[in-house]
Structure formats: C-alpha cells, structure tokens
C-alpha cells in the first residue's frame, strides 16, 4: 500500500492522477521528548522560520518586547502587565547549533512561521505537547508557498487511455501549481490550497495575526 504523510500531498496526487491516497501523519515519537518548560530556556520562546523569509523575525519580536518594557513609551497602557515584557526573550532555532530535542522541549513556547506545505518539525513539536503559536488560517498562504517550488515538467495530469479524460478527480478544481511571481493568481489559488495543510487543519494551535496578539498569548 502507498500513503502520504500530509493531506496537501494527497490532494496534489489526486489532482494529477485521480488516485486517493490515505494520509499517515508523521508523529515524531522518535524525539523521546515531551514539553517540559524549565531550566535556562523556560522563560524563552523559540522561533522557527524558513531561510527564505527575509525579515529577521527574532530581532523584530525582541525589538517589540524591548520597546514595550521601557517606561513611558507611547503605548504603555497596552503593554503586558507585571513586568512580563522585561522577562520575555525570543530565540531563533538557528542560534542553537543543533540543540537536542529535550532542550527544544524546555522552551516556554514556540512561534512557528511555516515555510513549506508540510514540515517534520511541526509534527515533532506538536507530538511533544509544545504550545505552538502560528499565523491565523487566513494568513497561511502568505507563508506556506515560499518553499513550494516544482518545475513545470512535473505539472502534468494523468490522462485516460483515449488521451482525453482520466480517473474521477483528475484536473478537478484549482491546480496546486502556480508561480509566486504571478501575484493575483498566487493569492487567489493559494488560500484554497493552504487550507489543505495540517497547519490549517490541526486543533489546539494558538493563532495570531499581529505582534500584539502573539504577545497576549504568551502573557501568563
């Protein structure tokens, strides 16, 4: 039997071939780690982003926290209470130099900016019970397709013996292949296909649309 490890891939295969493959998700149990905040990392928030996201998310988030923690700033009334902002620090995964899973599981929470339609680290952290903060579903298509690159030679659909039709489902609906430089087409089609990712489907994910919402989710 053949299966896939994420629903996006199954949907793409159905579009191209008409075959409906079952999804057996990656559980990441091999990490042998469970969410246990504490130690030197217990007050820090891990940030995971793709290498092709130009903005340094860690730097930006830490600048927001620094600004909020300063007395007398113009949005002081909106700042988290109890000196929370002064204690908060964001750390990038790429700063840790291959830290073992138990160390990753000791962070207060994880901010994950998805940079592809499926990520093993998402399933690993989800299985750990790590609090995952991710963009709202309505914003996912701005992130997940940054890593979706395939050559047009592989965008074919499977035709039937007569060269015209194929199995039910072949070529039905919007195609999963669209270039990022065609902005109008990308924004229109991306929302439909990003809804087929587990980033969109999974429950118990903490969603944010702004930095203010993100910080509110982290406040004790």
N, C-alpha and C. Protein backbone atom coordinates (compact mmCIF):
# COMPACT_ATOMS: atom_id res chain seq x y z
N UNK A 1 0.82 -1.20 0.00
CA UNK A 1 0.00 0.00 0.00
C UNK A 1 0.87 1.26 0.00
N UNK A 2 0.35 2.31 -0.58
CA UNK A 2 1.06 3.58 -0.66
C UNK A 2 0.26 4.64 0.10
N UNK A 3 0.97 5.47 0.84
CA UNK A 3 0.31 6.54 1.58
C UNK A 3 1.19 7.78 1.53
N UNK A 4 0.67 8.89 2.03
CA UNK A 4 1.46 10.11 2.16
C UNK A 4 1.46 10.53 3.63
N UNK A 5 2.29 11.50 3.97
CA UNK A 5 2.35 11.91 5.37
C UNK A 5 1.69 13.26 5.63
N UNK A 6 1.04 13.83 4.60
CA UNK A 6 0.31 15.07 4.84
C UNK A 6 -0.81 15.20 3.81
N UNK A 7 -1.90 15.87 4.19
CA UNK A 7 -3.07 15.95 3.30
C UNK A 7 -2.85 16.77 2.05
N UNK A 8 -1.94 17.75 2.09
CA UNK A 8 -1.67 18.54 0.89
C UNK A 8 -1.14 17.63 -0.22
N UNK A 9 -0.20 16.76 0.12
CA UNK A 9 0.39 15.87 -0.87
C UNK A 9 -0.65 14.92 -1.44
N UNK A 10 -1.53 14.40 -0.59
CA UNK A 10 -2.60 13.53 -1.08
C UNK A 10 -3.51 14.26 -2.05
N UNK A 11 -3.85 15.51 -1.72
CA UNK A 11 -4.71 16.30 -2.60
C UNK A 11 -4.02 16.58 -3.93
N UNK A 12 -2.73 16.83 -3.91
CA UNK A 12 -1.99 17.11 -5.14
C UNK A 12 -1.93 15.87 -6.03
N UNK A 13 -1.72 14.71 -5.41
CA UNK A 13 -1.67 13.46 -6.18
C UNK A 13 -3.04 13.15 -6.78
N UNK A 14 -4.10 13.42 -6.03
CA UNK A 14 -5.44 13.20 -6.56
C UNK A 14 -5.70 14.11 -7.75
N UNK A 15 -5.26 15.36 -7.66
CA UNK A 15 -5.46 16.30 -8.76
C UNK A 15 -4.75 15.82 -10.02
N UNK A 16 -3.55 15.27 -9.87
CA UNK A 16 -2.75 14.88 -11.03
C UNK A 16 -3.09 13.50 -11.58
N UNK A 17 -3.52 12.58 -10.70
CA UNK A 17 -3.70 11.19 -11.12
C UNK A 17 -5.11 10.65 -10.92
N UNK A 18 -5.88 11.27 -10.03
CA UNK A 18 -7.18 10.73 -9.67
C UNK A 18 -7.12 9.70 -8.56
N UNK A 19 -5.92 9.35 -8.14
CA UNK A 19 -5.75 8.37 -7.05
C UNK A 19 -5.89 9.07 -5.70
N UNK A 20 -6.63 8.44 -4.81
CA UNK A 20 -6.83 8.98 -3.47
C UNK A 20 -6.00 8.15 -2.49
N UNK A 21 -4.91 8.73 -2.02
CA UNK A 21 -4.02 8.00 -1.12
C UNK A 21 -4.32 8.37 0.33
N UNK A 22 -4.29 7.39 1.23
CA UNK A 22 -4.52 7.69 2.64
C UNK A 22 -3.36 8.49 3.23
N UNK A 23 -3.65 9.21 4.28
CA UNK A 23 -2.65 10.02 4.96
C UNK A 23 -2.27 9.35 6.28
N UNK A 24 -1.01 9.03 6.44
CA UNK A 24 -0.47 8.53 7.71
C UNK A 24 0.53 9.57 8.19
N UNK A 25 0.13 10.35 9.14
CA UNK A 25 0.93 11.51 9.54
C UNK A 25 2.18 11.12 10.31
N UNK A 26 3.17 11.97 10.19
CA UNK A 26 4.40 11.83 10.95
C UNK A 26 4.12 12.21 12.40
N UNK A 27 4.38 11.31 13.34
CA UNK A 27 4.11 11.59 14.75
C UNK A 27 5.32 12.12 15.50
N UNK A 28 6.51 11.86 15.00
CA UNK A 28 7.70 12.38 15.65
C UNK A 28 7.98 11.79 17.02
N UNK A 29 7.49 10.59 17.27
CA UNK A 29 7.71 9.97 18.58
C UNK A 29 9.17 9.60 18.81
N UNK A 30 9.94 9.58 17.74
CA UNK A 30 11.36 9.26 17.86
C UNK A 30 12.14 10.31 18.63
N UNK A 31 11.55 11.47 18.87
CA UNK A 31 12.25 12.52 19.62
C UNK A 31 12.45 12.13 21.08
N UNK A 32 11.57 11.25 21.59
CA UNK A 32 11.63 10.85 23.00
C UNK A 32 11.65 12.07 23.92
N UNK A 33 10.89 13.09 23.56
CA UNK A 33 10.86 14.32 24.35
C UNK A 33 9.42 14.76 24.53
N UNK A 34 9.15 15.32 25.70
CA UNK A 34 7.85 15.89 26.00
C UNK A 34 8.03 17.32 26.48
N UNK A 35 7.03 18.12 26.25
CA UNK A 35 7.08 19.52 26.67
C UNK A 35 7.29 19.62 28.17
N UNK A 36 8.46 20.15 28.55
CA UNK A 36 8.82 20.30 29.96
C UNK A 36 9.53 21.63 30.12
N UNK A 37 8.78 22.73 30.21
CA UNK A 37 9.43 24.05 30.30
C UNK A 37 10.20 24.20 31.60
N UNK A 38 11.37 24.80 31.49
CA UNK A 38 12.18 25.00 32.68
C UNK A 38 13.64 25.12 32.34
N UNK A 39 14.47 25.18 33.38
CA UNK A 39 15.90 25.32 33.17
C UNK A 39 16.24 26.69 32.60
N UNK A 40 17.32 26.75 31.87
CA UNK A 40 17.78 28.03 31.33
C UNK A 40 16.88 28.53 30.20
N UNK A 41 16.05 27.66 29.63
CA UNK A 41 15.21 28.06 28.48
C UNK A 41 13.74 28.24 28.85
N UNK A 42 13.38 28.03 30.09
CA UNK A 42 11.98 28.02 30.48
C UNK A 42 11.27 29.35 30.31
N UNK A 43 12.00 30.44 30.28
CA UNK A 43 11.38 31.75 30.10
C UNK A 43 11.55 32.30 28.70
N UNK A 44 12.09 31.50 27.81
CA UNK A 44 12.35 31.95 26.45
C UNK A 44 11.39 31.30 25.46
N UNK A 45 11.18 31.98 24.34
CA UNK A 45 10.28 31.49 23.30
C UNK A 45 11.10 31.17 22.06
N UNK A 46 10.97 29.96 21.57
CA UNK A 46 11.69 29.54 20.37
C UNK A 46 10.97 30.04 19.12
N UNK A 47 11.74 30.47 18.14
CA UNK A 47 11.16 30.95 16.88
C UNK A 47 11.73 30.13 15.73
N UNK A 48 10.83 29.60 14.91
CA UNK A 48 11.23 28.80 13.75
C UNK A 48 10.71 29.49 12.50
N UNK A 49 11.61 29.79 11.59
CA UNK A 49 11.22 30.40 10.33
C UNK A 49 12.09 29.84 9.22
N UNK A 50 11.64 30.00 7.99
CA UNK A 50 12.38 29.49 6.86
C UNK A 50 13.55 30.38 6.50
N UNK A 51 14.56 29.81 5.88
CA UNK A 51 15.73 30.60 5.46
C UNK A 51 15.41 31.60 4.37
N UNK A 52 14.27 31.43 3.69
CA UNK A 52 13.92 32.34 2.60
C UNK A 52 12.95 33.43 3.04
N UNK A 53 12.71 33.57 4.34
CA UNK A 53 11.94 34.69 4.85
C UNK A 53 12.93 35.79 5.20
N UNK A 54 12.88 36.88 4.48
CA UNK A 54 13.93 37.89 4.56
C UNK A 54 13.96 38.59 5.91
N UNK A 55 12.82 38.84 6.50
CA UNK A 55 12.79 39.56 7.77
C UNK A 55 13.33 38.70 8.90
N UNK A 56 14.16 39.27 9.75
CA UNK A 56 14.67 38.55 10.92
C UNK A 56 13.59 38.61 12.00
N UNK A 57 12.75 37.59 12.04
CA UNK A 57 11.60 37.57 12.95
C UNK A 57 12.03 37.68 14.41
N UNK A 58 13.12 37.02 14.77
CA UNK A 58 13.59 37.04 16.15
C UNK A 58 13.96 38.46 16.56
N UNK A 59 14.71 39.14 15.72
CA UNK A 59 15.12 40.51 16.00
C UNK A 59 13.91 41.43 16.13
N UNK A 60 12.96 41.28 15.20
CA UNK A 60 11.78 42.14 15.22
C UNK A 60 10.97 41.93 16.49
N UNK A 61 10.75 40.68 16.88
CA UNK A 61 9.96 40.40 18.08
C UNK A 61 10.67 40.90 19.34
N UNK A 62 11.97 40.72 19.40
CA UNK A 62 12.71 41.20 20.56
C UNK A 62 12.71 42.73 20.64
N UNK A 63 12.70 43.40 19.49
CA UNK A 63 12.62 44.86 19.49
C UNK A 63 11.27 45.33 20.02
N UNK A 64 10.21 44.64 19.65
CA UNK A 64 8.90 44.97 20.18
C UNK A 64 8.88 44.83 21.70
N UNK A 65 9.42 43.71 22.18
CA UNK A 65 9.43 43.45 23.62
C UNK A 65 10.26 44.51 24.35
N UNK A 66 11.39 44.85 23.77
CA UNK A 66 12.24 45.87 24.39
C UNK A 66 11.53 47.21 24.49
N UNK A 67 10.83 47.57 23.41
CA UNK A 67 10.12 48.84 23.39
C UNK A 67 8.99 48.84 24.43
N UNK A 68 8.28 47.74 24.53
CA UNK A 68 7.17 47.66 25.48
C UNK A 68 7.64 47.70 26.94
N UNK A 69 8.85 47.21 27.17
CA UNK A 69 9.36 47.13 28.54
C UNK A 69 9.93 48.46 29.03
N UNK A 70 10.06 49.44 28.14
CA UNK A 70 10.60 50.74 28.54
C UNK A 70 9.50 51.62 29.11
N UNK A 71 9.72 52.22 30.28
CA UNK A 71 8.69 53.06 30.89
C UNK A 71 8.44 54.32 30.06
N UNK A 72 7.19 54.73 30.01
CA UNK A 72 6.85 55.98 29.36
C UNK A 72 6.70 55.92 27.87
N UNK A 73 6.70 54.71 27.25
CA UNK A 73 6.53 54.67 25.80
C UNK A 73 5.07 54.96 25.46
N UNK A 74 4.81 55.32 24.21
CA UNK A 74 3.51 55.86 23.83
C UNK A 74 2.38 54.85 23.93
N UNK A 75 2.71 53.55 23.98
CA UNK A 75 1.67 52.53 24.10
C UNK A 75 1.77 51.80 25.44
N UNK A 76 2.18 52.52 26.45
CA UNK A 76 2.42 51.89 27.74
C UNK A 76 1.15 51.23 28.29
N UNK A 77 -0.01 51.83 28.02
CA UNK A 77 -1.25 51.27 28.55
C UNK A 77 -1.58 49.93 27.91
N UNK A 78 -0.97 49.62 26.73
CA UNK A 78 -1.24 48.37 26.04
C UNK A 78 -0.21 47.30 26.38
N UNK A 79 0.81 47.66 27.13
CA UNK A 79 1.89 46.72 27.43
C UNK A 79 1.41 45.64 28.38
N UNK A 80 1.97 44.42 28.29
CA UNK A 80 1.64 43.38 29.24
C UNK A 80 1.98 43.83 30.65
N UNK A 81 1.12 43.46 31.59
CA UNK A 81 1.30 43.91 32.97
C UNK A 81 2.29 43.01 33.71
N UNK A 82 2.71 43.50 34.88
CA UNK A 82 3.55 42.71 35.77
C UNK A 82 4.98 42.53 35.31
N UNK A 83 5.48 43.43 34.46
CA UNK A 83 6.86 43.30 34.01
C UNK A 83 7.09 42.11 33.11
N UNK A 84 6.02 41.58 32.53
CA UNK A 84 6.12 40.38 31.69
C UNK A 84 7.06 40.59 30.52
N UNK A 85 6.95 41.75 29.86
CA UNK A 85 7.75 42.01 28.67
C UNK A 85 9.24 42.04 28.98
N UNK A 86 9.61 42.47 30.17
CA UNK A 86 11.02 42.55 30.52
C UNK A 86 11.65 41.16 30.63
N UNK A 87 10.84 40.16 30.94
CA UNK A 87 11.36 38.81 31.14
C UNK A 87 11.32 37.97 29.87
N UNK A 88 10.61 38.46 28.86
CA UNK A 88 10.40 37.67 27.66
C UNK A 88 11.56 37.84 26.68
N UNK A 89 11.98 36.74 26.09
CA UNK A 89 13.06 36.77 25.09
C UNK A 89 12.78 35.72 24.03
N UNK A 90 12.96 36.13 22.78
CA UNK A 90 12.77 35.22 21.65
C UNK A 90 14.14 34.73 21.17
N UNK A 91 14.21 33.44 20.86
CA UNK A 91 15.46 32.82 20.43
C UNK A 91 15.20 32.04 19.15
N UNK A 92 16.03 32.23 18.14
CA UNK A 92 15.87 31.53 16.88
C UNK A 92 16.44 30.12 16.93
N UNK A 93 15.78 29.20 16.26
CA UNK A 93 16.26 27.82 16.21
C UNK A 93 17.66 27.75 15.64
N UNK A 94 17.94 28.61 14.65
CA UNK A 94 19.26 28.59 14.01
C UNK A 94 20.37 29.09 14.92
N UNK A 95 20.01 29.68 16.07
CA UNK A 95 21.03 30.14 17.02
C UNK A 95 21.51 29.03 17.95
N UNK A 96 20.82 27.91 17.95
CA UNK A 96 21.07 26.88 18.96
C UNK A 96 22.09 25.83 18.52
N UNK A 97 22.45 25.85 17.25
CA UNK A 97 23.50 24.94 16.80
C UNK A 97 23.18 23.47 16.95
N UNK A 98 21.99 23.05 16.56
CA UNK A 98 21.63 21.64 16.62
C UNK A 98 21.35 21.14 18.02
N UNK A 99 20.62 21.90 18.79
CA UNK A 99 20.28 21.50 20.17
C UNK A 99 19.45 20.23 20.16
N UNK A 100 19.65 19.34 21.15
CA UNK A 100 18.87 18.10 21.21
C UNK A 100 17.40 18.38 21.52
N UNK A 101 16.56 17.42 21.22
CA UNK A 101 15.12 17.59 21.40
C UNK A 101 14.72 17.94 22.84
N UNK A 102 15.32 17.32 23.88
CA UNK A 102 14.92 17.71 25.24
C UNK A 102 15.16 19.20 25.53
N UNK A 103 16.19 19.78 24.94
CA UNK A 103 16.43 21.21 25.13
C UNK A 103 15.34 22.01 24.41
N UNK A 104 14.98 21.62 23.21
CA UNK A 104 13.93 22.31 22.47
C UNK A 104 12.59 22.23 23.21
N UNK A 105 12.36 21.09 23.87
CA UNK A 105 11.11 20.89 24.59
C UNK A 105 11.05 21.68 25.88
N UNK A 106 12.14 22.32 26.27
CA UNK A 106 12.17 23.06 27.54
C UNK A 106 11.83 24.54 27.39
N UNK A 107 11.61 25.00 26.15
CA UNK A 107 11.24 26.40 25.93
C UNK A 107 9.80 26.64 26.40
N UNK A 108 9.52 27.88 26.72
CA UNK A 108 8.19 28.28 27.17
C UNK A 108 7.14 27.99 26.11
N UNK A 109 7.45 28.26 24.86
CA UNK A 109 6.54 28.05 23.73
C UNK A 109 7.36 28.18 22.45
N UNK A 110 6.71 27.91 21.32
CA UNK A 110 7.37 28.03 20.03
C UNK A 110 6.51 28.82 19.05
N UNK A 111 7.12 29.80 18.42
CA UNK A 111 6.47 30.53 17.33
C UNK A 111 6.96 29.91 16.03
N UNK A 112 6.04 29.38 15.26
CA UNK A 112 6.40 28.70 14.02
C UNK A 112 5.80 29.42 12.82
N UNK A 113 6.69 29.96 11.98
CA UNK A 113 6.26 30.54 10.71
C UNK A 113 6.45 29.47 9.63
N UNK A 114 5.39 28.82 9.18
CA UNK A 114 5.55 27.71 8.23
C UNK A 114 6.09 28.20 6.90
N UNK A 115 7.10 27.54 6.40
CA UNK A 115 7.75 27.97 5.17
C UNK A 115 7.67 26.91 4.08
N UNK A 116 6.79 25.93 4.26
CA UNK A 116 6.51 24.94 3.23
C UNK A 116 5.15 24.34 3.54
N UNK A 117 4.64 23.51 2.66
CA UNK A 117 3.29 22.97 2.85
C UNK A 117 3.25 21.89 3.92
N UNK A 118 4.39 21.36 4.32
CA UNK A 118 4.48 20.39 5.42
C UNK A 118 5.89 20.44 5.99
N UNK A 119 6.01 20.34 7.30
CA UNK A 119 7.31 20.40 7.96
C UNK A 119 7.38 19.31 9.03
N UNK A 120 8.45 18.54 9.02
CA UNK A 120 8.62 17.50 10.03
C UNK A 120 8.67 18.10 11.43
N UNK A 121 9.30 19.26 11.57
CA UNK A 121 9.45 19.85 12.89
C UNK A 121 8.09 20.26 13.48
N UNK A 122 7.13 20.56 12.63
CA UNK A 122 5.78 20.86 13.11
C UNK A 122 5.18 19.65 13.82
N UNK A 123 5.26 18.49 13.19
CA UNK A 123 4.72 17.27 13.78
C UNK A 123 5.50 16.87 15.03
N UNK A 124 6.80 17.07 15.01
CA UNK A 124 7.63 16.74 16.18
C UNK A 124 7.21 17.57 17.39
N UNK A 125 7.08 18.87 17.20
CA UNK A 125 6.73 19.75 18.31
C UNK A 125 5.28 19.54 18.74
N UNK A 126 4.40 19.27 17.80
CA UNK A 126 3.01 19.03 18.14
C UNK A 126 2.89 17.78 19.02
N UNK A 127 3.65 16.73 18.67
CA UNK A 127 3.62 15.50 19.45
C UNK A 127 4.24 15.68 20.84
N UNK A 128 5.16 16.61 20.97
CA UNK A 128 5.76 16.90 22.28
C UNK A 128 4.76 17.56 23.23
N UNK A 129 3.70 18.14 22.68
CA UNK A 129 2.79 18.93 23.50
C UNK A 129 3.25 20.36 23.68
N UNK A 130 4.16 20.78 22.83
CA UNK A 130 4.68 22.15 22.88
C UNK A 130 3.60 23.15 22.46
N UNK A 131 3.37 24.22 23.23
CA UNK A 131 2.47 25.27 22.76
C UNK A 131 2.99 25.89 21.46
N UNK A 132 2.20 25.79 20.40
CA UNK A 132 2.61 26.28 19.09
C UNK A 132 1.82 27.52 18.73
N UNK A 133 2.52 28.60 18.46
CA UNK A 133 1.90 29.85 18.02
C UNK A 133 2.17 30.00 16.53
N UNK A 134 1.09 30.10 15.75
CA UNK A 134 1.21 30.17 14.30
C UNK A 134 0.27 31.24 13.75
N UNK A 135 0.55 31.73 12.54
CA UNK A 135 -0.34 32.71 11.92
C UNK A 135 -1.76 32.16 11.75
N UNK A 136 -2.73 33.07 11.78
CA UNK A 136 -4.12 32.68 11.53
C UNK A 136 -4.25 31.93 10.22
N UNK A 137 -5.27 31.08 10.13
CA UNK A 137 -5.50 30.33 8.90
C UNK A 137 -5.61 31.24 7.69
N UNK A 138 -6.22 32.40 7.85
CA UNK A 138 -6.41 33.30 6.71
C UNK A 138 -5.10 33.89 6.20
N UNK A 139 -4.02 33.74 6.97
CA UNK A 139 -2.72 34.28 6.58
C UNK A 139 -1.74 33.21 6.12
N UNK A 140 -2.12 31.95 6.23
CA UNK A 140 -1.18 30.87 5.97
C UNK A 140 -0.63 30.89 4.55
N UNK A 141 -1.46 31.27 3.58
CA UNK A 141 -0.98 31.20 2.20
C UNK A 141 0.13 32.21 1.92
N UNK A 142 0.33 33.18 2.81
CA UNK A 142 1.46 34.09 2.66
C UNK A 142 2.77 33.43 3.06
N UNK A 143 2.68 32.29 3.75
CA UNK A 143 3.87 31.64 4.29
C UNK A 143 4.17 30.30 3.63
N UNK A 144 3.19 29.41 3.52
CA UNK A 144 3.49 28.02 3.18
C UNK A 144 4.04 27.84 1.78
N UNK A 145 3.70 28.73 0.86
CA UNK A 145 4.15 28.53 -0.52
C UNK A 145 5.51 29.13 -0.81
N UNK A 146 6.16 29.64 0.20
CA UNK A 146 7.53 30.13 -0.01
C UNK A 146 8.47 28.97 -0.33
N UNK A 147 8.14 27.80 0.14
CA UNK A 147 9.00 26.65 -0.11
C UNK A 147 8.48 25.74 -1.20
N UNK A 148 7.35 26.10 -1.81
CA UNK A 148 6.74 25.23 -2.80
C UNK A 148 7.29 25.56 -4.19
N UNK A 149 8.29 24.82 -4.60
CA UNK A 149 8.89 25.05 -5.91
C UNK A 149 8.92 23.71 -6.66
N UNK A 150 8.39 23.68 -7.83
CA UNK A 150 8.47 22.49 -8.67
C UNK A 150 8.53 22.94 -10.12
N UNK A 151 9.21 22.15 -10.92
CA UNK A 151 9.37 22.51 -12.33
C UNK A 151 8.11 22.18 -13.10
N UNK A 152 7.82 22.99 -14.10
CA UNK A 152 6.59 22.80 -14.88
C UNK A 152 6.53 21.44 -15.58
N UNK A 153 7.68 20.79 -15.78
CA UNK A 153 7.67 19.47 -16.40
C UNK A 153 6.95 18.44 -15.55
N UNK A 154 6.73 18.75 -14.26
CA UNK A 154 6.08 17.80 -13.35
C UNK A 154 4.67 18.25 -13.00
N UNK A 155 4.10 19.15 -13.78
CA UNK A 155 2.76 19.66 -13.51
C UNK A 155 1.69 18.98 -14.35
N UNK A 156 2.02 17.86 -14.97
CA UNK A 156 1.07 17.19 -15.85
C UNK A 156 -0.01 16.47 -15.05
N UNK A 157 -1.12 16.20 -15.71
CA UNK A 157 -2.16 15.37 -15.12
C UNK A 157 -2.26 14.09 -15.93
N UNK A 158 -2.71 13.03 -15.27
CA UNK A 158 -2.76 11.71 -15.89
C UNK A 158 -4.02 11.59 -16.75
N UNK A 159 -3.83 11.37 -18.03
CA UNK A 159 -4.95 11.23 -18.96
C UNK A 159 -5.35 9.77 -19.08
N UNK A 160 -6.55 9.55 -19.54
CA UNK A 160 -7.05 8.20 -19.76
C UNK A 160 -6.47 7.58 -21.02
N UNK A 161 -6.82 6.32 -21.29
CA UNK A 161 -6.30 5.64 -22.49
C UNK A 161 -6.62 6.36 -23.78
N UNK A 162 -7.74 7.10 -23.80
CA UNK A 162 -8.11 7.81 -25.02
C UNK A 162 -7.36 9.13 -25.17
N UNK A 163 -6.53 9.48 -24.16
CA UNK A 163 -5.76 10.71 -24.22
C UNK A 163 -6.55 11.95 -23.89
N UNK A 164 -7.78 11.76 -23.43
CA UNK A 164 -8.65 12.91 -23.15
C UNK A 164 -9.00 13.02 -21.68
N UNK A 165 -9.57 11.97 -21.14
CA UNK A 165 -10.01 12.02 -19.75
C UNK A 165 -9.16 11.12 -18.88
N UNK A 166 -9.48 11.07 -17.61
CA UNK A 166 -8.75 10.22 -16.69
C UNK A 166 -9.68 9.74 -15.61
N UNK A 167 -9.13 9.32 -14.51
CA UNK A 167 -9.92 8.89 -13.37
C UNK A 167 -10.68 10.08 -12.79
N UNK A 168 -11.80 9.81 -12.09
CA UNK A 168 -12.53 10.91 -11.45
C UNK A 168 -11.61 11.71 -10.52
N UNK A 169 -11.70 13.00 -10.60
CA UNK A 169 -10.88 13.86 -9.75
C UNK A 169 -9.67 14.44 -10.44
N UNK A 170 -9.27 13.87 -11.58
CA UNK A 170 -8.10 14.38 -12.29
C UNK A 170 -8.38 15.77 -12.85
N UNK A 171 -7.54 16.72 -12.50
CA UNK A 171 -7.68 18.07 -13.01
C UNK A 171 -8.89 18.80 -12.50
N UNK A 172 -9.53 18.28 -11.46
CA UNK A 172 -10.75 18.92 -10.95
C UNK A 172 -10.39 20.03 -9.97
N UNK A 173 -10.99 21.19 -10.14
CA UNK A 173 -10.73 22.31 -9.24
C UNK A 173 -9.49 23.08 -9.64
N UNK A 174 -9.02 23.92 -8.71
CA UNK A 174 -7.85 24.75 -8.99
C UNK A 174 -6.58 23.93 -8.88
N UNK A 175 -5.59 24.18 -9.75
CA UNK A 175 -4.34 23.42 -9.70
C UNK A 175 -3.47 23.85 -8.52
N UNK A 176 -2.66 22.94 -8.01
CA UNK A 176 -1.77 23.27 -6.89
C UNK A 176 -0.47 23.94 -7.33
N UNK A 177 -0.30 24.12 -8.63
CA UNK A 177 0.95 24.68 -9.16
C UNK A 177 0.70 26.09 -9.68
N UNK A 178 1.34 27.04 -9.08
CA UNK A 178 1.20 28.42 -9.54
C UNK A 178 2.43 29.19 -9.11
N UNK A 179 2.97 29.98 -10.01
CA UNK A 179 4.21 30.71 -9.72
C UNK A 179 3.99 31.87 -8.76
N UNK A 180 4.91 32.05 -7.85
CA UNK A 180 4.78 33.12 -6.85
C UNK A 180 4.85 34.50 -7.48
N UNK A 181 5.45 34.61 -8.65
CA UNK A 181 5.59 35.92 -9.28
C UNK A 181 4.31 36.37 -9.97
N UNK A 182 3.37 35.46 -10.17
CA UNK A 182 2.08 35.84 -10.70
C UNK A 182 1.17 36.13 -9.50
N UNK A 183 1.28 37.34 -8.98
CA UNK A 183 0.71 37.66 -7.67
C UNK A 183 -0.80 37.42 -7.59
N UNK A 184 -1.56 37.88 -8.57
CA UNK A 184 -3.01 37.75 -8.49
C UNK A 184 -3.43 36.29 -8.45
N UNK A 185 -2.84 35.49 -9.31
CA UNK A 185 -3.16 34.06 -9.35
C UNK A 185 -2.70 33.37 -8.06
N UNK A 186 -1.54 33.77 -7.57
CA UNK A 186 -0.96 33.16 -6.37
C UNK A 186 -1.84 33.41 -5.15
N UNK A 187 -2.28 34.66 -4.96
CA UNK A 187 -3.11 34.98 -3.81
C UNK A 187 -4.47 34.30 -3.89
N UNK A 188 -5.02 34.21 -5.10
CA UNK A 188 -6.35 33.62 -5.26
C UNK A 188 -6.32 32.12 -5.02
N UNK A 189 -5.39 31.42 -5.63
CA UNK A 189 -5.34 29.97 -5.53
C UNK A 189 -4.68 29.50 -4.24
N UNK A 190 -3.78 30.32 -3.70
CA UNK A 190 -3.04 29.90 -2.52
C UNK A 190 -3.92 29.65 -1.31
N UNK A 191 -4.96 30.44 -1.15
CA UNK A 191 -5.84 30.30 0.01
C UNK A 191 -6.55 28.95 0.00
N UNK A 192 -6.98 28.52 -1.17
CA UNK A 192 -7.67 27.23 -1.29
C UNK A 192 -6.73 26.08 -0.92
N UNK A 193 -5.51 26.13 -1.42
CA UNK A 193 -4.60 25.01 -1.17
C UNK A 193 -3.94 25.07 0.20
N UNK A 194 -3.77 26.24 0.76
CA UNK A 194 -3.20 26.30 2.12
C UNK A 194 -4.17 25.72 3.14
N UNK A 195 -5.48 25.72 2.81
CA UNK A 195 -6.46 25.14 3.73
C UNK A 195 -6.36 23.62 3.78
N UNK A 196 -5.59 23.02 2.88
CA UNK A 196 -5.42 21.57 2.87
C UNK A 196 -4.20 21.12 3.67
N UNK A 197 -3.50 22.06 4.28
CA UNK A 197 -2.34 21.71 5.09
C UNK A 197 -2.75 21.42 6.52
N UNK A 198 -1.93 20.68 7.23
CA UNK A 198 -2.20 20.41 8.65
C UNK A 198 -2.00 21.66 9.50
N UNK A 199 -1.26 22.64 8.99
CA UNK A 199 -1.15 23.91 9.70
C UNK A 199 -2.53 24.55 9.85
N UNK A 200 -3.37 24.30 8.87
CA UNK A 200 -4.73 24.84 8.88
C UNK A 200 -5.70 23.92 9.64
N UNK A 201 -5.51 22.61 9.50
CA UNK A 201 -6.48 21.65 9.99
C UNK A 201 -6.35 21.31 11.48
N UNK A 202 -5.12 21.30 12.01
CA UNK A 202 -4.91 20.78 13.36
C UNK A 202 -5.55 21.67 14.43
N UNK A 203 -6.12 21.06 15.46
CA UNK A 203 -6.65 21.84 16.59
C UNK A 203 -5.54 22.18 17.59
N UNK A 204 -5.90 22.97 18.58
CA UNK A 204 -5.02 23.28 19.72
C UNK A 204 -3.77 24.09 19.32
N UNK A 205 -3.84 24.77 18.19
CA UNK A 205 -2.76 25.67 17.80
C UNK A 205 -3.18 27.09 18.18
N UNK A 206 -2.27 27.84 18.76
CA UNK A 206 -2.55 29.22 19.18
C UNK A 206 -2.31 30.14 17.98
N UNK A 207 -3.34 30.87 17.57
CA UNK A 207 -3.27 31.66 16.35
C UNK A 207 -3.08 33.14 16.65
N UNK A 208 -2.30 33.80 15.81
CA UNK A 208 -2.11 35.24 15.94
C UNK A 208 -2.08 35.88 14.55
N UNK A 209 -2.47 37.14 14.52
CA UNK A 209 -2.42 37.89 13.27
C UNK A 209 -1.56 39.13 13.39
N UNK A 210 -1.24 39.51 14.63
CA UNK A 210 -0.40 40.67 14.88
C UNK A 210 0.57 40.35 16.01
N UNK A 211 1.57 41.19 16.17
CA UNK A 211 2.52 41.01 17.27
C UNK A 211 1.80 41.17 18.61
N UNK A 212 0.85 42.08 18.67
CA UNK A 212 0.09 42.29 19.91
C UNK A 212 -0.65 41.02 20.30
N UNK A 213 -1.26 40.35 19.34
CA UNK A 213 -1.96 39.09 19.63
C UNK A 213 -0.99 38.01 20.06
N UNK A 214 0.17 37.97 19.44
CA UNK A 214 1.19 36.99 19.81
C UNK A 214 1.63 37.19 21.27
N UNK A 215 1.92 38.41 21.64
CA UNK A 215 2.37 38.70 22.99
C UNK A 215 1.26 38.42 24.02
N UNK A 216 0.02 38.69 23.65
CA UNK A 216 -1.09 38.41 24.55
C UNK A 216 -1.22 36.91 24.83
N UNK A 217 -0.94 36.10 23.83
CA UNK A 217 -1.00 34.64 24.01
C UNK A 217 0.10 34.14 24.94
N UNK A 218 1.21 34.85 24.99
CA UNK A 218 2.35 34.44 25.82
C UNK A 218 2.27 34.96 27.24
N UNK A 219 1.38 35.92 27.46
CA UNK A 219 1.29 36.53 28.79
C UNK A 219 0.73 35.52 29.79
N UNK A 220 1.32 35.40 30.96
CA UNK A 220 0.82 34.45 31.99
C UNK A 220 -0.62 34.76 32.38
